[in-house]
Amino acid sequence: MAIENNNDRLDRAAAAKFLGVSVAFLAADVITGRHKIPFCKVGRRCVYLRSQLDAWMSSRMVNTPAS
C-alpha cells in the first residue's frame, strides 16, 4: 500500500478524534487487541493510517432491519 502524503498518518490523539473515541480507548486496544484497530509501531509511538481506519470502520458496519 502506498502512502500518498503525511495527512494519511495519524498519531493516537488524531486517530481517536477521527474515530470518535477517547485516547484511552485506543491505548487500551493496543494492549488488549480486543477491537483489532490497525496501527503500526514506530519506536514507542503508535501510528494509525487514515485509510486503514476507514477500512476497519467499514468492516464493523451493522445492518439493522428496517422497522
Protein backbone atom coordinates (compact mmCIF):
# COMPACT_ATOMS: atom_id res chain seq x y z
CA MET A 1 0.00 0.00 0.00
CA ALA A 2 1.42 3.36 -0.97
CA ILE A 3 1.07 6.31 1.35
CA GLU A 4 0.35 9.39 -0.71
CA ASN A 5 1.11 12.02 1.91
CA ASN A 6 1.64 12.57 5.61
CA ASN A 7 -2.03 13.53 6.05
CA ASP A 8 -2.84 9.81 5.99
CA ARG A 9 -0.70 9.23 9.11
CA LEU A 10 -2.33 9.99 12.44
CA ASP A 11 -0.95 9.99 15.95
CA ARG A 12 -3.08 8.44 18.70
CA ALA A 13 -4.86 11.71 19.57
CA ALA A 14 -5.76 12.44 15.94
CA ALA A 15 -6.87 8.83 15.38
CA ALA A 16 -9.07 8.99 18.47
CA LYS A 17 -10.70 12.18 17.23
CA PHE A 18 -11.15 10.68 13.75
CA LEU A 19 -12.87 7.59 15.20
CA GLY A 20 -14.83 9.49 17.83
CA VAL A 21 -13.31 7.57 20.74
CA SER A 22 -11.01 8.50 23.61
CA VAL A 23 -7.23 8.29 23.54
CA ALA A 24 -7.51 5.87 26.47
CA PHE A 25 -9.73 3.59 24.37
CA LEU A 26 -7.06 3.37 21.66
CA ALA A 27 -4.30 2.88 24.23
CA ALA A 28 -6.24 0.01 25.81
CA ASP A 29 -6.81 -1.59 22.41
CA VAL A 30 -3.08 -1.56 21.70
CA ILE A 31 -2.59 -3.61 24.87
CA THR A 32 -5.60 -5.93 24.63
CA GLY A 33 -6.18 -6.15 20.87
CA ARG A 34 -9.87 -6.53 21.65
CA HIS A 35 -11.13 -4.39 18.77
CA LYS A 36 -8.17 -5.06 16.46
CA ILE A 37 -7.80 -1.42 15.41
CA PRO A 38 -4.91 -1.40 12.92
CA PHE A 39 -1.77 0.54 13.86
CA CYS A 40 1.96 0.32 13.41
CA LYS A 41 4.69 0.95 15.93
CA VAL A 42 7.36 3.50 15.12
CA GLY A 43 9.73 3.31 18.04
CA ARG A 44 7.50 3.77 21.07
CA ARG A 45 4.80 5.61 19.12
CA CYS A 46 1.69 4.16 17.53
CA VAL A 47 0.88 5.48 14.08
CA TYR A 48 -2.53 4.99 12.51
CA LEU A 49 -3.26 5.23 8.78
CA ARG A 50 -6.49 7.01 7.92
CA SER A 51 -7.19 4.57 5.07
CA GLN A 52 -6.84 1.58 7.40
CA LEU A 53 -9.10 3.19 10.00
CA ASP A 54 -11.71 3.79 7.28
CA ALA A 55 -11.47 0.14 6.22
CA TRP A 56 -11.71 -1.00 9.86
CA MET A 57 -14.84 1.09 10.42
CA SER A 58 -16.41 -0.23 7.21
CA SER A 59 -15.78 -3.79 8.33
CA ARG A 60 -17.68 -3.14 11.56
CA MET A 61 -20.86 -1.77 9.97
CA VAL A 62 -24.02 -3.17 11.47
CA ASN A 63 -27.08 -3.52 9.29
CA THR A 64 -30.27 -3.26 11.27
CA PRO A 65 -33.59 -4.39 9.81
CA ALA A 66 -35.98 -1.67 8.70
CA SER A 67 -38.89 -1.10 11.06
